[in-house]
PDB file of N, CA and C in Angstrom:
ATOM      1  N   MET A   1      22.915 -32.824  21.841  1.00  0.00           N
ATOM      2  CA  MET A   1      21.493 -32.680  21.522  1.00  0.00           C
ATOM      3  C   MET A   1      21.470 -31.554  20.558  1.00  0.00           C
ATOM      4  N   ALA A   2      20.849 -31.864  19.292  1.00  0.00           N
ATOM      5  CA  ALA A   2      20.877 -30.818  18.129  1.00  0.00           C
ATOM      6  C   ALA A   2      19.505 -30.318  18.165  1.00  0.00           C
ATOM      7  N   VAL A   3      19.300 -28.923  17.832  1.00  0.00           N
ATOM      8  CA  VAL A   3      18.050 -28.422  17.611  1.00  0.00           C
ATOM      9  C   VAL A   3      17.940 -27.794  16.321  1.00  0.00           C
ATOM     10  N   PHE A   4      16.884 -28.221  15.599  1.00  0.00           N
ATOM     11  CA  PHE A   4      16.668 -27.862  14.179  1.00  0.00           C
ATOM     12  C   PHE A   4      15.422 -27.078  14.156  1.00  0.00           C
ATOM     13  N   ALA A   5      15.376 -26.017  13.273  1.00  0.00           N
ATOM     14  CA  ALA A   5      14.195 -25.349  13.021  1.00  0.00           C
ATOM     15  C   ALA A   5      13.903 -25.370  11.598  1.00  0.00           C
ATOM     16  N   CYS A   6      12.671 -25.654  11.225  1.00  0.00           N
ATOM     17  CA  CYS A   6      12.281 -25.648   9.800  1.00  0.00           C
ATOM     18  C   CYS A   6      11.434 -24.340   9.655  1.00  0.00           C
ATOM     19  N   LEU A   7      12.323 -23.529   8.822  1.00  0.00           N
ATOM     20  CA  LEU A   7      11.682 -22.199   8.528  1.00  0.00           C
ATOM     21  C   LEU A   7      10.719 -22.222   7.354  1.00  0.00           C
ATOM     22  N   GLY A   8      11.115 -23.126   6.388  1.00  0.00           N
ATOM     23  CA  GLY A   8      10.364 -23.094   5.147  1.00  0.00           C
ATOM     24  C   GLY A   8      10.793 -21.936   4.218  1.00  0.00           C
ATOM     25  N   SER A   9      10.091 -21.765   3.173  1.00  0.00           N
ATOM     26  CA  SER A   9      10.380 -20.629   2.229  1.00  0.00           C
ATOM     27  C   SER A   9       9.923 -19.384   2.874  1.00  0.00           C
ATOM     28  N   PRO A  10      10.830 -18.259   2.886  1.00  0.00           N
ATOM     29  CA  PRO A  10      10.387 -16.928   3.384  1.00  0.00           C
ATOM     30  C   PRO A  10       9.287 -16.460   2.309  1.00  0.00           C
ATOM     31  N   ALA A  11       8.339 -15.636   2.918  1.00  0.00           N
ATOM     32  CA  ALA A  11       7.199 -15.127   2.108  1.00  0.00           C
ATOM     33  C   ALA A  11       7.971 -14.256   1.351  1.00  0.00           C
ATOM     34  N   PRO A  12       7.362 -13.986  -0.082  1.00  0.00           N
ATOM     35  CA  PRO A  12       7.886 -12.965  -1.004  1.00  0.00           C
ATOM     36  C   PRO A  12       7.639 -11.641  -0.476  1.00  0.00           C
ATOM     37  N   ALA A  13       8.756 -10.909  -0.631  1.00  0.00           N
ATOM     38  CA  ALA A  13       8.569  -9.414  -0.259  1.00  0.00           C
ATOM     39  C   ALA A  13       7.534  -8.729  -1.174  1.00  0.00           C
ATOM     40  N   GLN A  14       6.783  -7.888  -0.518  1.00  0.00           N
ATOM     41  CA  GLN A  14       5.611  -7.200  -1.191  1.00  0.00           C
ATOM     42  C   GLN A  14       6.252  -6.134  -2.029  1.00  0.00           C
ATOM     43  N   SER A  15       5.867  -5.908  -3.261  1.00  0.00           N
ATOM     44  CA  SER A  15       6.367  -4.702  -4.062  1.00  0.00           C
ATOM     45  C   SER A  15       5.612  -3.624  -3.744  1.00  0.00           C
ATOM     46  N   CYS A  16       6.146  -2.513  -3.589  1.00  0.00           N
ATOM     47  CA  CYS A  16       5.590  -1.216  -3.239  1.00  0.00           C
ATOM     48  C   CYS A  16       5.759  -0.384  -4.412  1.00  0.00           C
ATOM     49  N   ASP A  17       4.741   0.439  -4.738  1.00  0.00           N
ATOM     50  CA  ASP A  17       4.769   1.432  -5.800  1.00  0.00           C
ATOM     51  C   ASP A  17       5.491   2.572  -5.443  1.00  0.00           C
ATOM     52  N   GLU A  18       6.562   2.916  -6.291  1.00  0.00           N
ATOM     53  CA  GLU A  18       7.325   3.920  -5.844  1.00  0.00           C
ATOM     54  C   GLU A  18       6.878   5.368  -6.316  1.00  0.00           C
ATOM     55  N   ASN A  19       5.552   5.440  -6.624  1.00  0.00           N
ATOM     56  CA  ASN A  19       4.860   6.823  -6.602  1.00  0.00           C
ATOM     57  C   ASN A  19       4.327   7.169  -5.513  1.00  0.00           C
ATOM     58  N   TYR A  20       4.426   6.524  -4.377  1.00  0.00           N
ATOM     59  CA  TYR A  20       3.780   6.663  -2.953  1.00  0.00           C
ATOM     60  C   TYR A  20       4.893   6.610  -1.997  1.00  0.00           C
ATOM     61  N   GLU A  21       4.754   7.283  -0.889  1.00  0.00           N
ATOM     62  CA  GLU A  21       5.599   7.036   0.390  1.00  0.00           C
ATOM     63  C   GLU A  21       4.815   7.282   1.584  1.00  0.00           C
ATOM     64  N   GLY A  22       5.315   6.855   2.552  1.00  0.00           N
ATOM     65  CA  GLY A  22       4.764   6.994   4.063  1.00  0.00           C
ATOM     66  C   GLY A  22       4.147   5.580   4.402  1.00  0.00           C
ATOM     67  N   VAL A  23       3.607   4.872   3.587  1.00  0.00           N
ATOM     68  CA  VAL A  23       3.237   3.437   3.681  1.00  0.00           C
ATOM     69  C   VAL A  23       3.388   2.703   2.377  1.00  0.00           C
ATOM     70  N   CYS A  24       3.387   1.284   2.515  1.00  0.00           N
ATOM     71  CA  CYS A  24       3.687   0.615   1.354  1.00  0.00           C
ATOM     72  C   CYS A  24       2.334   0.413   0.483  1.00  0.00           C
ATOM     73  N   VAL A  25       2.274   1.080  -0.628  1.00  0.00           N
ATOM     74  CA  VAL A  25       1.063   0.945  -1.485  1.00  0.00           C
ATOM     75  C   VAL A  25       1.448  -0.147  -2.549  1.00  0.00           C
ATOM     76  N   PRO A  26       0.739  -1.269  -2.416  1.00  0.00           N
ATOM     77  CA  PRO A  26       1.175  -2.423  -3.254  1.00  0.00           C
ATOM     78  C   PRO A  26       1.033  -2.120  -4.758  1.00  0.00           C
ATOM     79  N   VAL A  27       1.813  -2.813  -5.480  1.00  0.00           N
ATOM     80  CA  VAL A  27       1.609  -2.851  -6.989  1.00  0.00           C
ATOM     81  C   VAL A  27       0.535  -3.902  -7.135  1.00  0.00           C
ATOM     82  N   ALA A  28      -0.609  -3.327  -7.680  1.00  0.00           N
ATOM     83  CA  ALA A  28      -1.759  -4.113  -7.789  1.00  0.00           C
ATOM     84  C   ALA A  28      -2.531  -3.760  -9.050  1.00  0.00           C
ATOM     85  N   SER A  29      -3.658  -4.376  -9.395  1.00  0.00           N
ATOM     86  CA  SER A  29      -4.600  -3.855 -10.560  1.00  0.00           C
ATOM     87  C   SER A  29      -5.378  -2.669  -9.993  1.00  0.00           C
ATOM     88  N   ASP A  30      -5.595  -2.560  -8.706  1.00  0.00           N
ATOM     89  CA  ASP A  30      -6.314  -1.471  -8.085  1.00  0.00           C
ATOM     90  C   ASP A  30      -5.985  -1.389  -6.582  1.00  0.00           C
ATOM     91  N   VAL A  31      -5.922  -0.266  -6.199  1.00  0.00           N
ATOM     92  CA  VAL A  31      -5.605   0.154  -4.650  1.00  0.00           C
ATOM     93  C   VAL A  31      -6.611   1.207  -4.384  1.00  0.00           C
ATOM     94  N   ASP A  32      -7.338   1.050  -3.153  1.00  0.00           N
ATOM     95  CA  ASP A  32      -8.229   1.999  -2.758  1.00  0.00           C
ATOM     96  C   ASP A  32      -7.850   2.340  -1.244  1.00  0.00           C
ATOM     97  N   CYS A  33      -8.299   3.490  -0.810  1.00  0.00           N
ATOM     98  CA  CYS A  33      -8.075   3.859   0.688  1.00  0.00           C
ATOM     99  C   CYS A  33      -8.926   2.933   1.508  1.00  0.00           C
ATOM    100  N   ALA A  34      -8.414   2.404   2.602  1.00  0.00           N
ATOM    101  CA  ALA A  34      -9.286   1.651   3.622  1.00  0.00           C
ATOM    102  C   ALA A  34     -10.331   2.356   4.263  1.00  0.00           C
ATOM    103  N   ASN A  35     -11.576   1.958   4.570  1.00  0.00           N
ATOM    104  CA  ASN A  35     -12.553   2.615   5.056  1.00  0.00           C
ATOM    105  C   ASN A  35     -13.128   3.708   3.897  1.00  0.00           C
ATOM    106  N   GLY A  36     -12.862   3.464   2.640  1.00  0.00           N
ATOM    107  CA  GLY A  36     -13.481   4.256   1.671  1.00  0.00           C
ATOM    108  C   GLY A  36     -14.541   3.625   0.827  1.00  0.00           C
ATOM    109  N   SER A  37     -14.839   4.160  -0.239  1.00  0.00           N
ATOM    110  CA  SER A  37     -15.888   3.446  -1.000  1.00  0.00           C
ATOM    111  C   SER A  37     -15.409   2.658  -2.095  1.00  0.00           C
ATOM    112  N   GLY A  38     -13.989   2.468  -2.104  1.00  0.00           N
ATOM    113  CA  GLY A  38     -13.559   1.593  -3.416  1.00  0.00           C
ATOM    114  C   GLY A  38     -13.686   0.223  -3.054  1.00  0.00           C
ATOM    115  N   ASN A  39     -13.627  -0.615  -4.229  1.00  0.00           N
ATOM    116  CA  ASN A  39     -13.796  -1.987  -4.252  1.00  0.00           C
ATOM    117  C   ASN A  39     -12.530  -2.885  -4.323  1.00  0.00           C
ATOM    118  N   GLY A  40     -11.371  -2.157  -4.059  1.00  0.00           N
ATOM    119  CA  GLY A  40     -10.100  -3.003  -4.070  1.00  0.00           C
ATOM    120  C   GLY A  40      -9.706  -3.643  -5.254  1.00  0.00           C
ATOM    121  N   PRO A  41      -9.052  -4.565  -5.320  1.00  0.00           N
ATOM    122  CA  PRO A  41      -8.757  -5.670  -4.344  1.00  0.00           C
ATOM    123  C   PRO A  41      -7.869  -5.367  -3.352  1.00  0.00           C
ATOM    124  N   GLU A  42      -6.903  -4.344  -3.473  1.00  0.00           N
ATOM    125  CA  GLU A  42      -6.102  -4.013  -2.280  1.00  0.00           C
ATOM    126  C   GLU A  42      -6.484  -2.699  -1.684  1.00  0.00           C
ATOM    127  N   TYR A  43      -6.052  -2.619  -0.339  1.00  0.00           N
ATOM    128  CA  TYR A  43      -6.580  -1.245   0.272  1.00  0.00           C
ATOM    129  C   TYR A  43      -5.253  -1.006   1.114  1.00  0.00           C
ATOM    130  N   VAL A  44      -5.284   0.390   1.359  1.00  0.00           N
ATOM    131  CA  VAL A  44      -4.081   1.049   2.049  1.00  0.00           C
ATOM    132  C   VAL A  44      -4.625   1.975   3.111  1.00  0.00           C
ATOM    133  N   GLU A  45      -3.977   1.940   4.287  1.00  0.00           N
ATOM    134  CA  GLU A  45      -4.384   3.022   5.356  1.00  0.00           C
ATOM    135  C   GLU A  45      -3.390   4.106   5.197  1.00  0.00           C
ATOM    136  N   GLY A  46      -3.816   5.311   5.331  1.00  0.00           N
ATOM    137  CA  GLY A  46      -2.920   6.445   5.093  1.00  0.00           C
ATOM    138  C   GLY A  46      -2.388   7.085   6.477  1.00  0.00           C
ATOM    139  N   PRO A  47      -1.681   8.208   6.350  1.00  0.00           N
ATOM    140  CA  PRO A  47      -1.702   8.938   5.299  1.00  0.00           C
ATOM    141  C   PRO A  47      -0.612   8.464   4.271  1.00  0.00           C
ATOM    142  N   VAL A  48      -0.849   8.562   2.977  1.00  0.00           N
ATOM    143  CA  VAL A  48       0.077   8.236   1.933  1.00  0.00           C
ATOM    144  C   VAL A  48       0.366   9.565   1.189  1.00  0.00           C
ATOM    145  N   TYR A  49       1.738   9.720   1.050  1.00  0.00           N
ATOM    146  CA  TYR A  49       2.089  10.825   0.275  1.00  0.00           C
ATOM    147  C   TYR A  49       2.581  10.530  -1.091  1.00  0.00           C
ATOM    148  N   ILE A  50       1.821  11.307  -1.992  1.00  0.00           N
ATOM    149  CA  ILE A  50       2.107  11.262  -3.543  1.00  0.00           C
ATOM    150  C   ILE A  50       3.552  11.947  -3.921  1.00  0.00           C
ATOM    151  N   VAL A  51       4.525  11.073  -4.338  1.00  0.00           N
ATOM    152  CA  VAL A  51       5.681  11.582  -4.884  1.00  0.00           C
ATOM    153  C   VAL A  51       5.857  11.420  -6.174  1.00  0.00           C
ATOM    154  N   GLY A  52       5.013  10.864  -7.021  1.00  0.00           N
ATOM    155  CA  GLY A  52       4.981  10.697  -8.437  1.00  0.00           C
ATOM    156  C   GLY A  52       3.624  10.744  -8.934  1.00  0.00           C
ATOM    157  N   ARG A  53       3.206   9.832  -9.932  1.00  0.00           N
ATOM    158  CA  ARG A  53       1.927   9.863 -10.500  1.00  0.00           C
ATOM    159  C   ARG A  53       1.010   9.160  -9.662  1.00  0.00           C
ATOM    160  N   ASP A  54      -0.224   9.673  -9.208  1.00  0.00           N
ATOM    161  CA  ASP A  54      -1.160   8.997  -8.525  1.00  0.00           C
ATOM    162  C   ASP A  54      -1.893   8.141  -9.326  1.00  0.00           C
ATOM    163  N   ILE A  55      -1.327   6.904  -9.587  1.00  0.00           N
ATOM    164  CA  ILE A  55      -2.074   6.067 -10.615  1.00  0.00           C
ATOM    165  C   ILE A  55      -3.262   5.338 -10.161  1.00  0.00           C
ATOM    166  N   TYR A  56      -3.399   5.304  -8.746  1.00  0.00           N
ATOM    167  CA  TYR A  56      -4.520   4.712  -8.172  1.00  0.00           C
ATOM    168  C   TYR A  56      -5.624   5.713  -7.853  1.00  0.00           C
ATOM    169  N   LYS A  57      -5.486   6.992  -8.029  1.00  0.00           N
ATOM    170  CA  LYS A  57      -6.265   8.248  -7.674  1.00  0.00           C
ATOM    171  C   LYS A  57      -6.648   8.077  -6.304  1.00  0.00           C
ATOM    172  N   LEU A  58      -5.773   7.940  -5.458  1.00  0.00           N
ATOM    173  CA  LEU A  58      -5.963   7.905  -3.839  1.00  0.00           C
ATOM    174  C   LEU A  58      -6.139   9.385  -3.527  1.00  0.00           C
ATOM    175  N   ASP A  59      -5.656  10.370  -3.990  1.00  0.00           N
ATOM    176  CA  ASP A  59      -5.549  11.599  -3.568  1.00  0.00           C
ATOM    177  C   ASP A  59      -6.841  12.463  -4.185  1.00  0.00           C
ATOM    178  N   ARG A  60      -7.875  12.363  -3.427  1.00  0.00           N
ATOM    179  CA  ARG A  60      -9.145  12.949  -4.082  1.00  0.00           C
ATOM    180  C   ARG A  60      -9.050  14.434  -4.161  1.00  0.00           C
ATOM    181  N   ASP A  61      -8.430  15.070  -3.096  1.00  0.00           N
ATOM    182  CA  ASP A  61      -8.394  16.469  -3.103  1.00  0.00           C
ATOM    183  C   ASP A  61      -7.200  17.241  -3.575  1.00  0.00           C
ATOM    184  N   GLY A  62      -6.311  16.404  -4.217  1.00  0.00           N
ATOM    185  CA  GLY A  62      -5.247  16.988  -4.936  1.00  0.00           C
ATOM    186  C   GLY A  62      -4.241  17.682  -4.015  1.00  0.00           C
ATOM    187  N   ASP A  63      -4.166  17.465  -2.787  1.00  0.00           N
ATOM    188  CA  ASP A  63      -3.142  18.188  -1.883  1.00  0.00           C
ATOM    189  C   ASP A  63      -1.820  17.400  -1.663  1.00  0.00           C
ATOM    190  N   GLY A  64      -1.625  16.180  -2.325  1.00  0.00           N
ATOM    191  CA  GLY A  64      -0.404  15.512  -2.379  1.00  0.00           C
ATOM    192  C   GLY A  64      -0.449  14.483  -1.270  1.00  0.00           C
ATOM    193  N   VAL A  65      -1.452  14.490  -0.289  1.00  0.00           N
ATOM    194  CA  VAL A  65      -1.682  13.547   0.773  1.00  0.00           C
ATOM    195  C   VAL A  65      -2.839  12.794   0.445  1.00  0.00           C
ATOM    196  N   ALA A  66      -2.882  11.463   0.482  1.00  0.00           N
ATOM    197  CA  ALA A  66      -3.915  10.516   0.102  1.00  0.00           C
ATOM    198  C   ALA A  66      -4.272   9.784   1.469  1.00  0.00           C
ATOM    199  N   CYS A  67      -5.610   9.383   1.430  1.00  0.00           N
ATOM    200  CA  CYS A  67      -6.190   8.492   2.579  1.00  0.00           C
ATOM    201  C   CYS A  67      -5.958   9.001   3.911  1.00  0.00           C
ATOM    202  N   GLU A  68      -5.958  10.312   3.998  1.00  0.00           N
ATOM    203  CA  GLU A  68      -5.906  10.971   5.276  1.00  0.00           C
ATOM    204  C   GLU A  68      -7.136  10.927   5.955  1.00  0.00           C
ATOM    205  N   ARG A  69      -7.243  10.752   7.299  1.00  0.00           N
ATOM    206  CA  ARG A  69      -8.391  10.659   8.148  1.00  0.00           C
ATOM    207  C   ARG A  69      -8.714  12.048   8.445  1.00  0.00           C
ATOM    208  N   LYS A  70     -10.064  12.431   8.268  1.00  0.00           N
ATOM    209  CA  LYS A  70     -10.611  13.708   8.683  1.00  0.00           C
ATOM    210  C   LYS A  70     -11.573  13.675   9.638  1.00  0.00           C
TER     211      LYS A  70
END
């Protein structure tokens, strides 16, 4: 008896912006902190560490950590 599994095509790996660490911040037209006032289209839950340029302006207080819960 042979068993076959149809796995289909794997989902494409999400590209993460290398300006951020801690969680994957997707490469997108705009990214906002989840539960914030931004309108996306992508959202990220923190904390997110800024290790380059904060191109999405996630770090509002400029301390190097974005989307932190207070």
